[in-house]
PDB file of N, CA and C in Angstrom:
ATOM      1  N   MET A   1     -16.998  10.897  23.950  1.00  0.00           N
ATOM      2  CA  MET A   1     -16.527  10.360  23.490  1.00  0.00           C
ATOM      3  C   MET A   1     -16.026   8.782  23.894  1.00  0.00           C
ATOM      4  N   GLY A   2     -17.397   8.185  23.827  1.00  0.00           N
ATOM      5  CA  GLY A   2     -16.977   6.510  23.587  1.00  0.00           C
ATOM      6  C   GLY A   2     -16.452   5.863  22.682  1.00  0.00           C
ATOM      7  N   ASP A   3     -16.625   6.410  21.341  1.00  0.00           N
ATOM      8  CA  ASP A   3     -16.082   5.880  19.923  1.00  0.00           C
ATOM      9  C   ASP A   3     -14.671   5.912  20.172  1.00  0.00           C
ATOM     10  N   SER A   4     -13.979   4.970  18.963  1.00  0.00           N
ATOM     11  CA  SER A   4     -12.513   4.644  18.997  1.00  0.00           C
ATOM     12  C   SER A   4     -11.718   6.532  18.567  1.00  0.00           C
ATOM     13  N   MET A   5     -12.773   7.258  17.518  1.00  0.00           N
ATOM     14  CA  MET A   5     -11.987   7.967  17.173  1.00  0.00           C
ATOM     15  C   MET A   5     -11.946   9.159  18.386  1.00  0.00           C
ATOM     16  N   GLY A   6     -12.825   8.817  19.402  1.00  0.00           N
ATOM     17  CA  GLY A   6     -13.035  10.043  20.805  1.00  0.00           C
ATOM     18  C   GLY A   6     -11.857   9.528  21.548  1.00  0.00           C
ATOM     19  N   LEU A   7     -11.402   8.581  21.541  1.00  0.00           N
ATOM     20  CA  LEU A   7     -10.841   7.774  22.394  1.00  0.00           C
ATOM     21  C   LEU A   7      -9.322   8.337  21.894  1.00  0.00           C
ATOM     22  N   ILE A   8      -9.376   8.389  20.733  1.00  0.00           N
ATOM     23  CA  ILE A   8      -7.914   9.202  20.026  1.00  0.00           C
ATOM     24  C   ILE A   8      -7.625  10.281  20.086  1.00  0.00           C
ATOM     25  N   GLU A   9      -8.904  11.020  20.208  1.00  0.00           N
ATOM     26  CA  GLU A   9      -8.378  12.513  20.201  1.00  0.00           C
ATOM     27  C   GLU A   9      -8.277  12.872  21.812  1.00  0.00           C
ATOM     28  N   ARG A  10      -9.245  11.663  22.949  1.00  0.00           N
ATOM     29  CA  ARG A  10      -8.564  12.207  24.088  1.00  0.00           C
ATOM     30  C   ARG A  10      -7.148  11.813  24.984  1.00  0.00           C
ATOM     31  N   TYR A  11      -6.550  10.750  24.335  1.00  0.00           N
ATOM     32  CA  TYR A  11      -5.222  10.034  24.830  1.00  0.00           C
ATOM     33  C   TYR A  11      -4.284  10.224  23.314  1.00  0.00           C
ATOM     34  N   LYS A  12      -4.537  11.097  22.388  1.00  0.00           N
ATOM     35  CA  LYS A  12      -3.266  11.308  21.560  1.00  0.00           C
ATOM     36  C   LYS A  12      -1.976  11.865  21.843  1.00  0.00           C
ATOM     37  N   ASP A  13      -2.064  12.593  22.800  1.00  0.00           N
ATOM     38  CA  ASP A  13      -0.690  13.076  23.144  1.00  0.00           C
ATOM     39  C   ASP A  13      -0.212  12.210  24.788  1.00  0.00           C
ATOM     40  N   GLU A  14      -0.922  11.378  25.002  1.00  0.00           N
ATOM     41  CA  GLU A  14      -0.586  10.444  26.016  1.00  0.00           C
ATOM     42  C   GLU A  14      -0.071   9.090  25.410  1.00  0.00           C
ATOM     43  N   ILE A  15      -0.266   8.653  24.990  1.00  0.00           N
ATOM     44  CA  ILE A  15      -0.377   7.602  24.514  1.00  0.00           C
ATOM     45  C   ILE A  15       0.897   7.050  24.118  1.00  0.00           C
ATOM     46  N   GLN A  16       1.861   6.149  24.402  1.00  0.00           N
ATOM     47  CA  GLN A  16       2.971   5.958  24.300  1.00  0.00           C
ATOM     48  C   GLN A  16       2.986   4.488  23.022  1.00  0.00           C
ATOM     49  N   LEU A  17       3.631   4.270  21.878  1.00  0.00           N
ATOM     50  CA  LEU A  17       4.064   2.976  21.824  1.00  0.00           C
ATOM     51  C   LEU A  17       4.111   1.579  22.447  1.00  0.00           C
ATOM     52  N   GLU A  18       4.585   1.389  23.707  1.00  0.00           N
ATOM     53  CA  GLU A  18       4.912   0.280  24.123  1.00  0.00           C
ATOM     54  C   GLU A  18       3.544  -0.301  24.968  1.00  0.00           C
ATOM     55  N   ASP A  19       2.477   1.177  24.904  1.00  0.00           N
ATOM     56  CA  ASP A  19       0.983   1.015  25.001  1.00  0.00           C
ATOM     57  C   ASP A  19       0.259   0.525  23.997  1.00  0.00           C
ATOM     58  N   LEU A  20       0.489   0.381  23.136  1.00  0.00           N
ATOM     59  CA  LEU A  20      -0.048  -0.394  22.217  1.00  0.00           C
ATOM     60  C   LEU A  20       0.119  -1.797  21.688  1.00  0.00           C
ATOM     61  N   PRO A  21      -0.804  -2.571  21.436  1.00  0.00           N
ATOM     62  CA  PRO A  21      -0.585  -4.165  20.947  1.00  0.00           C
ATOM     63  C   PRO A  21       0.782  -4.447  19.924  1.00  0.00           C
ATOM     64  N   GLU A  22       1.053  -5.306  19.694  1.00  0.00           N
ATOM     65  CA  GLU A  22       2.213  -5.591  18.283  1.00  0.00           C
ATOM     66  C   GLU A  22       2.024  -4.699  16.826  1.00  0.00           C
ATOM     67  N   VAL A  23       0.861  -5.046  16.486  1.00  0.00           N
ATOM     68  CA  VAL A  23       0.346  -4.818  15.237  1.00  0.00           C
ATOM     69  C   VAL A  23      -0.187  -2.868  15.231  1.00  0.00           C
ATOM     70  N   TYR A  24      -0.395  -2.797  15.967  1.00  0.00           N
ATOM     71  CA  TYR A  24      -0.502  -1.404  16.319  1.00  0.00           C
ATOM     72  C   TYR A  24       1.363  -0.614  16.153  1.00  0.00           C
ATOM     73  N   GLN A  25       2.321  -1.324  17.031  1.00  0.00           N
ATOM     74  CA  GLN A  25       3.570  -0.847  16.954  1.00  0.00           C
ATOM     75  C   GLN A  25       4.083  -1.057  15.695  1.00  0.00           C
ATOM     76  N   SER A  26       4.103  -1.661  15.507  1.00  0.00           N
ATOM     77  CA  SER A  26       4.265  -1.931  14.063  1.00  0.00           C
ATOM     78  C   SER A  26       3.579  -0.541  12.357  1.00  0.00           C
ATOM     79  N   LEU A  27       2.344  -0.954  12.890  1.00  0.00           N
ATOM     80  CA  LEU A  27       1.985   0.178  12.154  1.00  0.00           C
ATOM     81  C   LEU A  27       2.532   1.611  12.435  1.00  0.00           C
ATOM     82  N   ALA A  28       2.389   1.910  13.716  1.00  0.00           N
ATOM     83  CA  ALA A  28       3.462   3.327  14.286  1.00  0.00           C
ATOM     84  C   ALA A  28       4.305   3.315  13.593  1.00  0.00           C
ATOM     85  N   LYS A  29       5.647   1.979  13.581  1.00  0.00           N
ATOM     86  CA  LYS A  29       6.745   2.198  13.116  1.00  0.00           C
ATOM     87  C   LYS A  29       6.936   2.274  11.847  1.00  0.00           C
ATOM     88  N   SER A  30       5.796   1.482  11.063  1.00  0.00           N
ATOM     89  CA  SER A  30       5.674   2.034   9.508  1.00  0.00           C
ATOM     90  C   SER A  30       5.825   2.832   9.065  1.00  0.00           C
ATOM     91  N   PHE A  31       4.884   4.407   9.789  1.00  0.00           N
ATOM     92  CA  PHE A  31       5.065   5.437   9.615  1.00  0.00           C
ATOM     93  C   PHE A  31       5.503   6.663  10.598  1.00  0.00           C
ATOM     94  N   GLY A  32       6.709   5.919  10.748  1.00  0.00           N
ATOM     95  CA  GLY A  32       7.498   7.169  11.450  1.00  0.00           C
ATOM     96  C   GLY A  32       7.505   7.167  12.742  1.00  0.00           C
ATOM     97  N   GLY A  33       6.563   6.776  12.963  1.00  0.00           N
ATOM     98  CA  GLY A  33       6.665   6.652  14.754  1.00  0.00           C
ATOM     99  C   GLY A  33       5.267   7.278  15.007  1.00  0.00           C
ATOM    100  N   ASP A  34       4.630   7.465  13.849  1.00  0.00           N
ATOM    101  CA  ASP A  34       3.414   8.113  13.656  1.00  0.00           C
ATOM    102  C   ASP A  34       2.286   7.528  14.536  1.00  0.00           C
ATOM    103  N   ILE A  35       2.038   7.401  15.710  1.00  0.00           N
ATOM    104  CA  ILE A  35       0.919   6.614  16.437  1.00  0.00           C
ATOM    105  C   ILE A  35      -0.692   6.708  16.183  1.00  0.00           C
ATOM    106  N   GLU A  36      -0.783   8.252  15.973  1.00  0.00           N
ATOM    107  CA  GLU A  36      -2.174   8.432  15.361  1.00  0.00           C
ATOM    108  C   GLU A  36      -2.373   7.600  14.178  1.00  0.00           C
ATOM    109  N   LYS A  37      -1.404   7.713  13.221  1.00  0.00           N
ATOM    110  CA  LYS A  37      -1.960   7.248  11.784  1.00  0.00           C
ATOM    111  C   LYS A  37      -2.033   5.897  12.395  1.00  0.00           C
ATOM    112  N   ALA A  38      -1.420   5.239  12.886  1.00  0.00           N
ATOM    113  CA  ALA A  38      -1.542   3.704  13.264  1.00  0.00           C
ATOM    114  C   ALA A  38      -3.256   3.377  14.027  1.00  0.00           C
ATOM    115  N   LEU A  39      -3.012   4.191  14.989  1.00  0.00           N
ATOM    116  CA  LEU A  39      -4.432   4.176  15.469  1.00  0.00           C
ATOM    117  C   LEU A  39      -5.620   4.381  14.850  1.00  0.00           C
ATOM    118  N   ARG A  40      -5.518   5.432  13.348  1.00  0.00           N
ATOM    119  CA  ARG A  40      -6.645   5.483  12.342  1.00  0.00           C
ATOM    120  C   ARG A  40      -6.917   4.678  11.822  1.00  0.00           C
ATOM    121  N   ILE A  41      -6.043   3.364  11.370  1.00  0.00           N
ATOM    122  CA  ILE A  41      -6.188   2.367  10.578  1.00  0.00           C
ATOM    123  C   ILE A  41      -6.773   1.540  11.356  1.00  0.00           C
ATOM    124  N   GLY A  42      -6.657   1.532  12.520  1.00  0.00           N
ATOM    125  CA  GLY A  42      -7.058   0.424  13.525  1.00  0.00           C
ATOM    126  C   GLY A  42      -8.762   0.868  13.830  1.00  0.00           C
ATOM    127  N   HIS A  43      -8.530   1.973  14.035  1.00  0.00           N
ATOM    128  CA  HIS A  43     -10.569   2.647  13.803  1.00  0.00           C
ATOM    129  C   HIS A  43     -10.697   1.846  12.516  1.00  0.00           C
ATOM    130  N   LEU A  44     -10.365   2.307  11.342  1.00  0.00           N
ATOM    131  CA  LEU A  44     -11.003   1.784  10.349  1.00  0.00           C
ATOM    132  C   LEU A  44     -11.060   0.302   9.157  1.00  0.00           C
ATOM    133  N   PHE A  45     -10.373  -0.679  10.292  1.00  0.00           N
ATOM    134  CA  PHE A  45     -10.198  -2.170  10.154  1.00  0.00           C
ATOM    135  C   PHE A  45     -10.377  -2.506  11.301  1.00  0.00           C
ATOM    136  N   GLY A  46     -10.538  -2.040  12.650  1.00  0.00           N
ATOM    137  CA  GLY A  46     -10.098  -2.615  13.701  1.00  0.00           C
ATOM    138  C   GLY A  46     -11.084  -4.090  14.163  1.00  0.00           C
ATOM    139  N   GLY A  47     -11.244  -5.233  14.429  1.00  0.00           N
ATOM    140  CA  GLY A  47     -12.383  -5.922  14.545  1.00  0.00           C
ATOM    141  C   GLY A  47     -12.830  -6.525  13.977  1.00  0.00           C
ATOM    142  N   GLY A  48     -11.850  -6.271  12.023  1.00  0.00           N
ATOM    143  CA  GLY A  48     -12.257  -6.979  11.667  1.00  0.00           C
ATOM    144  C   GLY A  48     -11.408  -8.165  10.641  1.00  0.00           C
ATOM    145  N   TYR A  49     -12.266  -8.765   9.721  1.00  0.00           N
ATOM    146  CA  TYR A  49     -10.839  -9.211   8.694  1.00  0.00           C
ATOM    147  C   TYR A  49     -10.558  -8.565   7.599  1.00  0.00           C
ATOM    148  N   THR A  50      -9.331  -8.171   7.455  1.00  0.00           N
ATOM    149  CA  THR A  50      -8.701  -7.397   6.191  1.00  0.00           C
ATOM    150  C   THR A  50      -7.922  -8.069   4.978  1.00  0.00           C
ATOM    151  N   TYR A  51      -8.538  -8.276   4.113  1.00  0.00           N
ATOM    152  CA  TYR A  51      -7.157  -9.399   3.096  1.00  0.00           C
ATOM    153  C   TYR A  51      -6.856  -8.167   2.358  1.00  0.00           C
ATOM    154  N   CYS A  52      -5.519  -7.984   1.907  1.00  0.00           N
ATOM    155  CA  CYS A  52      -4.531  -6.891   1.575  1.00  0.00           C
ATOM    156  C   CYS A  52      -3.737  -7.981   0.376  1.00  0.00           C
ATOM    157  N   PRO A  53      -4.642  -7.783  -0.723  1.00  0.00           N
ATOM    158  CA  PRO A  53      -3.475  -8.029  -1.748  1.00  0.00           C
ATOM    159  C   PRO A  53      -2.384  -7.827  -2.073  1.00  0.00           C
ATOM    160  N   GLN A  54      -1.584  -9.031  -2.325  1.00  0.00           N
ATOM    161  CA  GLN A  54      -0.051  -8.613  -2.636  1.00  0.00           C
ATOM    162  C   GLN A  54      -0.039  -7.206  -3.878  1.00  0.00           C
ATOM    163  N   LEU A  55       1.277  -6.345  -3.204  1.00  0.00           N
ATOM    164  CA  LEU A  55       1.562  -5.143  -3.660  1.00  0.00           C
ATOM    165  C   LEU A  55       1.670  -5.062  -5.184  1.00  0.00           C
ATOM    166  N   LYS A  56       2.444  -6.174  -5.383  1.00  0.00           N
ATOM    167  CA  LYS A  56       2.888  -6.267  -7.071  1.00  0.00           C
ATOM    168  C   LYS A  56       1.401  -6.341  -7.565  1.00  0.00           C
ATOM    169  N   ARG A  57       0.860  -7.412  -6.875  1.00  0.00           N
ATOM    170  CA  ARG A  57      -0.773  -7.339  -7.670  1.00  0.00           C
ATOM    171  C   ARG A  57      -1.620  -6.307  -7.940  1.00  0.00           C
ATOM    172  N   SER A  58      -1.733  -5.711  -6.860  1.00  0.00           N
ATOM    173  CA  SER A  58      -1.822  -4.302  -6.816  1.00  0.00           C
ATOM    174  C   SER A  58      -1.700  -3.239  -7.346  1.00  0.00           C
ATOM    175  N   LEU A  59      -1.050  -3.123  -8.063  1.00  0.00           N
ATOM    176  CA  LEU A  59       0.023  -2.223  -9.060  1.00  0.00           C
ATOM    177  C   LEU A  59       0.126  -2.297 -10.281  1.00  0.00           C
ATOM    178  N   LYS A  60      -0.729  -3.642 -10.515  1.00  0.00           N
ATOM    179  CA  LYS A  60      -0.486  -4.073 -12.154  1.00  0.00           C
ATOM    180  C   LYS A  60      -0.836  -3.055 -12.953  1.00  0.00           C
ATOM    181  N   LYS A  61      -2.292  -2.469 -12.906  1.00  0.00           N
ATOM    182  CA  LYS A  61      -2.928  -1.534 -13.660  1.00  0.00           C
ATOM    183  C   LYS A  61      -1.671  -0.526 -14.028  1.00  0.00           C
ATOM    184  N   CYS A  62      -1.516  -0.110 -12.764  1.00  0.00           N
ATOM    185  CA  CYS A  62      -0.508   1.196 -12.701  1.00  0.00           C
ATOM    186  C   CYS A  62       0.534   0.828 -13.757  1.00  0.00           C
ATOM    187  N   ARG A  63       1.182  -0.163 -13.531  1.00  0.00           N
ATOM    188  CA  ARG A  63       2.517  -1.013 -13.940  1.00  0.00           C
ATOM    189  C   ARG A  63       1.882  -1.101 -16.107  1.00  0.00           C
ATOM    190  N   ASP A  64       1.152  -1.154 -16.044  1.00  0.00           N
ATOM    191  CA  ASP A  64       0.851  -1.733 -17.534  1.00  0.00           C
ATOM    192  C   ASP A  64       0.385  -0.428 -18.182  1.00  0.00           C
ATOM    193  N   ARG A  65      -0.089   0.632 -17.359  1.00  0.00           N
ATOM    194  CA  ARG A  65      -0.105   1.627 -18.136  1.00  0.00           C
ATOM    195  C   ARG A  65       1.150   2.515 -18.538  1.00  0.00           C
ATOM    196  N   VAL A  66       1.890   2.453 -17.457  1.00  0.00           N
ATOM    197  CA  VAL A  66       2.774   3.133 -17.529  1.00  0.00           C
ATOM    198  C   VAL A  66       4.013   2.759 -18.641  1.00  0.00           C
ATOM    199  N   ILE A  67       3.948   1.105 -18.619  1.00  0.00           N
ATOM    200  CA  ILE A  67       4.302   0.392 -20.237  1.00  0.00           C
ATOM    201  C   ILE A  67       3.537   0.723 -21.685  1.00  0.00           C
ATOM    202  N   ARG A  68       2.333   1.169 -21.190  1.00  0.00           N
ATOM    203  CA  ARG A  68       1.742   1.343 -22.729  1.00  0.00           C
ATOM    204  C   ARG A  68       2.393   3.312 -22.615  1.00  0.00           C
ATOM    205  N   GLU A  69       2.052   3.509 -21.869  1.00  0.00           N
ATOM    206  CA  GLU A  69       2.721   5.085 -22.285  1.00  0.00           C
ATOM    207  C   GLU A  69       4.256   5.152 -23.042  1.00  0.00           C
ATOM    208  N   GLU A  70       5.305   4.501 -22.084  1.00  0.00           N
ATOM    209  CA  GLU A  70       6.988   4.408 -22.646  1.00  0.00           C
ATOM    210  C   GLU A  70       6.711   3.639 -23.968  1.00  0.00           C
ATOM    211  N   PHE A  71       5.932   2.961 -24.408  1.00  0.00           N
ATOM    212  CA  PHE A  71       5.725   2.238 -25.737  1.00  0.00           C
ATOM    213  C   PHE A  71       5.981   3.606 -26.624  1.00  0.00           C
ATOM    214  N   ASN A  72       6.810   3.181 -27.814  1.00  0.00           N
ATOM    215  CA  ASN A  72       7.283   3.875 -28.557  1.00  0.00           C
ATOM    216  C   ASN A  72       7.327   3.200 -29.615  1.00  0.00           C
ATOM    217  N   GLY A  73       6.570   2.509 -29.483  1.00  0.00           N
ATOM    218  CA  GLY A  73       5.811   1.202 -31.477  1.00  0.00           C
ATOM    219  C   GLY A  73       7.644   0.294 -31.612  1.00  0.00           C
ATOM    220  N   PHE A  74       8.653   0.213 -31.038  1.00  0.00           N
ATOM    221  CA  PHE A  74       9.636  -0.441 -31.334  1.00  0.00           C
ATOM    222  C   PHE A  74      10.283  -1.138 -29.799  1.00  0.00           C
ATOM    223  N   ASN A  75      10.081  -0.616 -28.780  1.00  0.00           N
ATOM    224  CA  ASN A  75      10.879  -0.830 -27.556  1.00  0.00           C
ATOM    225  C   ASN A  75      10.425  -1.867 -27.008  1.00  0.00           C
ATOM    226  N   TYR A  76      10.538  -3.114 -27.257  1.00  0.00           N
ATOM    227  CA  TYR A  76       9.083  -4.026 -26.451  1.00  0.00           C
ATOM    228  C   TYR A  76      10.530  -4.540 -25.621  1.00  0.00           C
ATOM    229  N   LYS A  77      12.169  -4.939 -26.535  1.00  0.00           N
ATOM    230  CA  LYS A  77      12.881  -5.482 -25.403  1.00  0.00           C
ATOM    231  C   LYS A  77      13.110  -4.862 -24.404  1.00  0.00           C
ATOM    232  N   GLU A  78      13.392  -3.627 -24.936  1.00  0.00           N
ATOM    233  CA  GLU A  78      13.870  -2.470 -23.435  1.00  0.00           C
ATOM    234  C   GLU A  78      12.976  -2.646 -22.514  1.00  0.00           C
ATOM    235  N   LEU A  79      11.450  -2.293 -22.831  1.00  0.00           N
ATOM    236  CA  LEU A  79      10.678  -2.317 -21.601  1.00  0.00           C
ATOM    237  C   LEU A  79      10.355  -3.666 -20.354  1.00  0.00           C
ATOM    238  N   ALA A  80      10.340  -5.468 -21.735  1.00  0.00           N
ATOM    239  CA  ALA A  80      10.336  -6.142 -21.344  1.00  0.00           C
ATOM    240  C   ALA A  80      11.737  -6.385 -19.924  1.00  0.00           C
ATOM    241  N   GLN A  81      13.167  -5.858 -19.943  1.00  0.00           N
ATOM    242  CA  GLN A  81      13.958  -6.023 -19.346  1.00  0.00           C
ATOM    243  C   GLN A  81      14.083  -5.092 -18.476  1.00  0.00           C
ATOM    244  N   ARG A  82      13.130  -3.676 -18.620  1.00  0.00           N
ATOM    245  CA  ARG A  82      12.969  -2.577 -17.249  1.00  0.00           C
ATOM    246  C   ARG A  82      12.402  -3.433 -16.213  1.00  0.00           C
ATOM    247  N   TYR A  83      11.067  -3.788 -16.964  1.00  0.00           N
ATOM    248  CA  TYR A  83       9.496  -3.860 -15.963  1.00  0.00           C
ATOM    249  C   TYR A  83       9.818  -5.856 -16.030  1.00  0.00           C
ATOM    250  N   ASN A  84      10.626  -6.635 -15.883  1.00  0.00           N
ATOM    251  CA  ASN A  84      11.449  -8.072 -15.884  1.00  0.00           C
ATOM    252  C   ASN A  84      10.168  -8.564 -16.285  1.00  0.00           C
ATOM    253  N   LEU A  85       9.664  -8.174 -17.383  1.00  0.00           N
ATOM    254  CA  LEU A  85       8.499  -9.240 -18.534  1.00  0.00           C
ATOM    255  C   LEU A  85       9.229  -9.875 -19.572  1.00  0.00           C
ATOM    256  N   SER A  86       8.478 -10.744 -19.925  1.00  0.00           N
ATOM    257  CA  SER A  86       8.851 -11.521 -21.443  1.00  0.00           C
ATOM    258  C   SER A  86       8.293 -10.173 -22.504  1.00  0.00           C
ATOM    259  N   GLU A  87       8.744 -10.014 -23.358  1.00  0.00           N
ATOM    260  CA  GLU A  87       8.629  -9.351 -25.031  1.00  0.00           C
ATOM    261  C   GLU A  87       7.166  -9.668 -25.506  1.00  0.00           C
ATOM    262  N   ALA A  88       6.810 -11.399 -25.014  1.00  0.00           N
ATOM    263  CA  ALA A  88       5.242 -11.312 -25.308  1.00  0.00           C
ATOM    264  C   ALA A  88       4.609 -10.707 -24.406  1.00  0.00           C
ATOM    265  N   ARG A  89       4.638 -10.938 -22.986  1.00  0.00           N
ATOM    266  CA  ARG A  89       3.989 -10.493 -22.171  1.00  0.00           C
ATOM    267  C   ARG A  89       3.691  -8.473 -22.317  1.00  0.00           C
ATOM    268  N   ILE A  90       4.923  -7.959 -23.098  1.00  0.00           N
ATOM    269  CA  ILE A  90       4.949  -6.633 -23.264  1.00  0.00           C
ATOM    270  C   ILE A  90       3.805  -6.433 -24.305  1.00  0.00           C
ATOM    271  N   ARG A  91       3.904  -7.205 -25.286  1.00  0.00           N
ATOM    272  CA  ARG A  91       3.229  -6.759 -26.881  1.00  0.00           C
ATOM    273  C   ARG A  91       1.311  -7.171 -26.316  1.00  0.00           C
ATOM    274  N   GLN A  92       1.202  -8.182 -25.361  1.00  0.00           N
ATOM    275  CA  GLN A  92      -0.167  -8.141 -24.599  1.00  0.00           C
ATOM    276  C   GLN A  92      -0.273  -7.171 -24.041  1.00  0.00           C
ATOM    277  N   ILE A  93       0.513  -6.646 -23.459  1.00  0.00           N
ATOM    278  CA  ILE A  93      -0.073  -5.380 -22.363  1.00  0.00           C
ATOM    279  C   ILE A  93      -0.162  -4.440 -23.833  1.00  0.00           C
ATOM    280  N   VAL A  94       1.083  -4.019 -24.362  1.00  0.00           N
ATOM    281  CA  VAL A  94       0.340  -2.762 -25.372  1.00  0.00           C
ATOM    282  C   VAL A  94      -0.428  -3.069 -26.528  1.00  0.00           C
ATOM    283  N   ASN A  95      -1.067  -3.925 -26.210  1.00  0.00           N
ATOM    284  CA  ASN A  95      -2.241  -4.221 -27.433  1.00  0.00           C
ATOM    285  C   ASN A  95      -3.692  -4.340 -26.768  1.00  0.00           C
ATOM    286  N   GLY A  96      -3.019  -3.940 -25.447  1.00  0.00           N
ATOM    287  CA  GLY A  96      -4.441  -4.226 -25.141  1.00  0.00           C
ATOM    288  C   GLY A  96      -5.299  -5.369 -24.011  1.00  0.00           C
TER     289      GLY A  96
END
């Protein structure tokens, strides 16, 4: 059990938040104190550089799909206000 998943399994009931580096503590806190989830993320991404795009940019496809679903043919202004976009941008999204 020398790999990191083995270590997680071996010590999962013994690890305390203060045993971990600050980045793992922050992750665990963001998961409601779930240390095991933080360690599993560490297993996936630890030791390397991982870039996470801004959330707003990452969810753009979803936002645009929802706007198209909510579009009724006439509600450009309403959608622009709801999503804090210009009516011109709503038209671009709706027209694809």
